[in-house]
Amino acid sequence: MSLFAIAIQIAGHQEDMRAESASRGIAVHSARGVAYVRDLHGAIDLGGRILGPSLERARRNGAPWGLHVAAWGYEAVYGTWPLLSVPDGEARRETPISRIRARFRPEDGPIDALRNAIQIIEAVAPATKRAA
């Protein structure tokens, strides 16, 4: 079962990672291969270590970037993300996820987007998945 996924685009190059329930804990899939971690916190941490360096380079270089997070049926986008459009009705409906997403301001950068996306993952994670 998919728990969450984060994809980033930087100057036309895409990287992604996803976390899934596995018999050995949580399997984290990325271009690096598959790594197993014990809990959700470990999966989030590994996802940040996988995608963070590219986002930091984009921040330093001023490269165009976008980030998409999907977790337990919820989605949010940051920066420039051409692959997903939000229907008008969805954009106006206030939810706990939209309130977290609203904390991200246009002047914030790609690392701030990753932090905000992690807050969404943590907010929607079932309580049983949050425990160590």
C-alpha atoms as a PDB file:
ATOM      1  CA  MET A   1       0.000   0.000   0.000  1.00  0.00           C
ATOM      2  CA  SER A   2       1.345   3.408  -0.965  1.00  0.00           C
ATOM      3  CA  LEU A   3       1.793   5.731   2.016  1.00  0.00           C
ATOM      4  CA  PHE A   4       3.125   8.855   0.353  1.00  0.00           C
ATOM      5  CA  ALA A   5       5.045  10.091  -2.657  1.00  0.00           C
ATOM      6  CA  ILE A   6       6.989  13.254  -3.388  1.00  0.00           C
ATOM      7  CA  ALA A   7       8.075  14.312  -6.864  1.00  0.00           C
ATOM      8  CA  ILE A   8      10.163  17.338  -7.750  1.00  0.00           C
ATOM      9  CA  GLN A   9      10.932  19.034 -11.050  1.00  0.00           C
ATOM     10  CA  ILE A  10      13.940  21.284 -11.363  1.00  0.00           C
ATOM     11  CA  ALA A  11      14.639  22.990 -14.671  1.00  0.00           C
ATOM     12  CA  GLY A  12      12.871  20.192 -16.544  1.00  0.00           C
ATOM     13  CA  HIS A  13      14.494  17.301 -14.648  1.00  0.00           C
ATOM     14  CA  GLN A  14      12.224  15.158 -12.459  1.00  0.00           C
ATOM     15  CA  GLU A  15      13.108  13.124  -9.360  1.00  0.00           C
ATOM     16  CA  ASP A  16      10.699  11.247  -7.170  1.00  0.00           C
ATOM     17  CA  MET A  17      10.412   8.950  -4.213  1.00  0.00           C
ATOM     18  CA  ARG A  18       7.583   6.945  -2.720  1.00  0.00           C
ATOM     19  CA  ALA A  19       7.030   5.076   0.521  1.00  0.00           C
ATOM     20  CA  GLU A  20       4.990   1.876   0.729  1.00  0.00           C
ATOM     21  CA  SER A  21       4.035  -0.536   3.475  1.00  0.00           C
ATOM     22  CA  ALA A  22       6.183  -3.654   3.325  1.00  0.00           C
ATOM     23  CA  SER A  23       6.656  -6.793   5.383  1.00  0.00           C
ATOM     24  CA  ARG A  24      10.024  -5.388   6.534  1.00  0.00           C
ATOM     25  CA  GLY A  25       8.598  -2.001   7.624  1.00  0.00           C
ATOM     26  CA  ILE A  26       8.335   0.735   5.024  1.00  0.00           C
ATOM     27  CA  ALA A  27       9.960   0.445   1.595  1.00  0.00           C
ATOM     28  CA  VAL A  28      11.287   3.741   0.212  1.00  0.00           C
ATOM     29  CA  HIS A  29      11.658   3.664  -3.584  1.00  0.00           C
ATOM     30  CA  SER A  30      13.776   6.179  -5.501  1.00  0.00           C
ATOM     31  CA  ALA A  31      16.292   6.328  -8.328  1.00  0.00           C
ATOM     32  CA  ARG A  32      18.806   5.040  -5.762  1.00  0.00           C
ATOM     33  CA  GLY A  33      16.830   1.804  -5.440  1.00  0.00           C
ATOM     34  CA  VAL A  34      14.801   0.490  -2.511  1.00  0.00           C
ATOM     35  CA  ALA A  35      15.662   1.079   1.140  1.00  0.00           C
ATOM     36  CA  TYR A  36      13.741  -0.256   4.127  1.00  0.00           C
ATOM     37  CA  VAL A  37      13.037   1.811   7.232  1.00  0.00           C
ATOM     38  CA  ARG A  38      11.165   0.981  10.434  1.00  0.00           C
ATOM     39  CA  ASP A  39       8.574   3.739  10.574  1.00  0.00           C
ATOM     40  CA  LEU A  40       7.013   6.771   8.944  1.00  0.00           C
ATOM     41  CA  HIS A  41       9.533   9.144  10.510  1.00  0.00           C
ATOM     42  CA  GLY A  42      12.369   7.145   8.927  1.00  0.00           C
ATOM     43  CA  ALA A  43      10.644   7.227   5.524  1.00  0.00           C
ATOM     44  CA  ILE A  44      10.098  10.995   5.720  1.00  0.00           C
ATOM     45  CA  ASP A  45      13.706  11.544   6.797  1.00  0.00           C
ATOM     46  CA  LEU A  46      15.061   9.413   3.963  1.00  0.00           C
ATOM     47  CA  GLY A  47      12.798  11.180   1.450  1.00  0.00           C
ATOM     48  CA  GLY A  48      14.191  14.520   2.598  1.00  0.00           C
ATOM     49  CA  ARG A  49      17.750  13.263   2.266  1.00  0.00           C
ATOM     50  CA  ILE A  50      16.994  11.953  -1.228  1.00  0.00           C
ATOM     51  CA  LEU A  51      15.271  15.067  -2.608  1.00  0.00           C
ATOM     52  CA  GLY A  52      16.653  17.811  -0.362  1.00  0.00           C
ATOM     53  CA  PRO A  53      20.045  18.270  -2.056  1.00  0.00           C
ATOM     54  CA  SER A  54      18.452  18.897  -5.466  1.00  0.00           C
ATOM     55  CA  LEU A  55      15.977  21.352  -3.957  1.00  0.00           C
ATOM     56  CA  GLU A  56      18.804  23.141  -2.157  1.00  0.00           C
ATOM     57  CA  ARG A  57      20.727  23.472  -5.454  1.00  0.00           C
ATOM     58  CA  ALA A  58      17.592  24.901  -7.101  1.00  0.00           C
ATOM     59  CA  ARG A  59      17.261  27.410  -4.269  1.00  0.00           C
ATOM     60  CA  ARG A  60      20.901  28.494  -4.556  1.00  0.00           C
ATOM     61  CA  ASN A  61      20.882  28.684  -8.354  1.00  0.00           C
ATOM     62  CA  GLY A  62      17.433  30.222  -8.728  1.00  0.00           C
ATOM     63  CA  ALA A  63      16.384  27.378 -11.035  1.00  0.00           C
ATOM     64  CA  PRO A  64      12.681  26.913 -11.793  1.00  0.00           C
ATOM     65  CA  TRP A  65      11.249  24.165  -9.590  1.00  0.00           C
ATOM     66  CA  GLY A  66       8.037  22.405  -8.619  1.00  0.00           C
ATOM     67  CA  LEU A  67       7.088  19.881  -5.945  1.00  0.00           C
ATOM     68  CA  HIS A  68       4.093  17.529  -5.759  1.00  0.00           C
ATOM     69  CA  VAL A  69       3.182  15.560  -2.620  1.00  0.00           C
ATOM     70  CA  ALA A  70       0.522  12.848  -2.403  1.00  0.00           C
ATOM     71  CA  ALA A  71      -0.318  11.173   0.911  1.00  0.00           C
ATOM     72  CA  TRP A  72      -3.313   9.038   1.868  1.00  0.00           C
ATOM     73  CA  GLY A  73      -5.480  10.462  -0.903  1.00  0.00           C
ATOM     74  CA  TYR A  74      -4.480  14.106  -0.421  1.00  0.00           C
ATOM     75  CA  GLU A  75      -2.316  16.122  -2.816  1.00  0.00           C
ATOM     76  CA  ALA A  76      -0.591  19.494  -2.827  1.00  0.00           C
ATOM     77  CA  VAL A  77       1.667  21.294  -5.285  1.00  0.00           C
ATOM     78  CA  TYR A  78       4.328  23.961  -4.829  1.00  0.00           C
ATOM     79  CA  GLY A  79       6.330  26.157  -7.167  1.00  0.00           C
ATOM     80  CA  THR A  80       5.631  25.482 -10.842  1.00  0.00           C
ATOM     81  CA  TRP A  81       4.056  22.079 -11.301  1.00  0.00           C
ATOM     82  CA  PRO A  82       2.626  21.680 -14.816  1.00  0.00           C
ATOM     83  CA  LEU A  83       1.554  18.047 -14.429  1.00  0.00           C
ATOM     84  CA  LEU A  84      -1.336  18.621 -12.032  1.00  0.00           C
ATOM     85  CA  SER A  85      -4.071  21.198 -12.168  1.00  0.00           C
ATOM     86  CA  VAL A  86      -6.460  21.813  -9.294  1.00  0.00           C
ATOM     87  CA  PRO A  87     -10.144  22.153 -10.188  1.00  0.00           C
ATOM     88  CA  ASP A  88     -11.586  25.546  -9.198  1.00  0.00           C
ATOM     89  CA  GLY A  89     -13.937  24.017  -6.603  1.00  0.00           C
ATOM     90  CA  GLU A  90     -11.044  22.226  -4.915  1.00  0.00           C
ATOM     91  CA  ALA A  91      -8.978  25.389  -4.683  1.00  0.00           C
ATOM     92  CA  ARG A  92     -11.703  27.172  -2.681  1.00  0.00           C
ATOM     93  CA  ARG A  93     -12.668  24.361  -0.286  1.00  0.00           C
ATOM     94  CA  GLU A  94     -10.898  24.742   3.061  1.00  0.00           C
ATOM     95  CA  THR A  95      -9.548  21.545   4.566  1.00  0.00           C
ATOM     96  CA  PRO A  96      -6.862  20.776   7.140  1.00  0.00           C
ATOM     97  CA  ILE A  97      -4.528  20.135   4.188  1.00  0.00           C
ATOM     98  CA  SER A  98      -5.354  23.440   2.503  1.00  0.00           C
ATOM     99  CA  ARG A  99      -4.660  25.240   5.799  1.00  0.00           C
ATOM    100  CA  ILE A 100      -1.203  23.616   6.006  1.00  0.00           C
ATOM    101  CA  ARG A 101      -0.575  24.382   2.323  1.00  0.00           C
ATOM    102  CA  ALA A 102      -1.601  28.014   2.907  1.00  0.00           C
ATOM    103  CA  ARG A 103       1.359  28.434   5.276  1.00  0.00           C
ATOM    104  CA  PHE A 104       3.600  28.248   2.201  1.00  0.00           C
ATOM    105  CA  ARG A 105       4.002  31.737   0.733  1.00  0.00           C
ATOM    106  CA  PRO A 106       4.964  32.616  -2.865  1.00  0.00           C
ATOM    107  CA  GLU A 107       8.296  34.016  -1.668  1.00  0.00           C
ATOM    108  CA  ASP A 108       9.180  30.754   0.096  1.00  0.00           C
ATOM    109  CA  GLY A 109      11.648  28.464  -1.627  1.00  0.00           C
ATOM    110  CA  PRO A 110      11.940  24.797  -2.525  1.00  0.00           C
ATOM    111  CA  ILE A 111      13.248  23.676   0.884  1.00  0.00           C
ATOM    112  CA  ASP A 112      10.280  25.416   2.537  1.00  0.00           C
ATOM    113  CA  ALA A 113       8.011  23.523   0.119  1.00  0.00           C
ATOM    114  CA  LEU A 114       9.557  20.221   1.180  1.00  0.00           C
ATOM    115  CA  ARG A 115       9.065  21.107   4.862  1.00  0.00           C
ATOM    116  CA  ASN A 116       5.436  22.036   4.197  1.00  0.00           C
ATOM    117  CA  ALA A 117       4.877  18.808   2.244  1.00  0.00           C
ATOM    118  CA  ILE A 118       6.273  16.830   5.195  1.00  0.00           C
ATOM    119  CA  GLN A 119       3.778  18.585   7.490  1.00  0.00           C
ATOM    120  CA  ILE A 120       0.986  17.406   5.178  1.00  0.00           C
ATOM    121  CA  ILE A 121       2.280  13.824   5.240  1.00  0.00           C
ATOM    122  CA  GLU A 122       2.456  13.894   9.028  1.00  0.00           C
ATOM    123  CA  ALA A 123      -1.030  15.421   9.317  1.00  0.00           C
ATOM    124  CA  VAL A 124      -2.754  12.814   7.152  1.00  0.00           C
ATOM    125  CA  ALA A 125      -0.806   9.762   8.301  1.00  0.00           C
ATOM    126  CA  PRO A 126      -2.991   7.332  10.191  1.00  0.00           C
ATOM    127  CA  ALA A 127      -2.088   7.326  13.885  1.00  0.00           C
ATOM    128  CA  THR A 128      -0.888   3.725  13.684  1.00  0.00           C
ATOM    129  CA  LYS A 129       1.706   4.666  11.049  1.00  0.00           C
ATOM    130  CA  ARG A 130       3.111   7.553  13.107  1.00  0.00           C
ATOM    131  CA  ALA A 131       4.141   5.389  16.032  1.00  0.00           C
ATOM    132  CA  ALA A 132       7.720   4.177  16.121  1.00  0.00           C
END
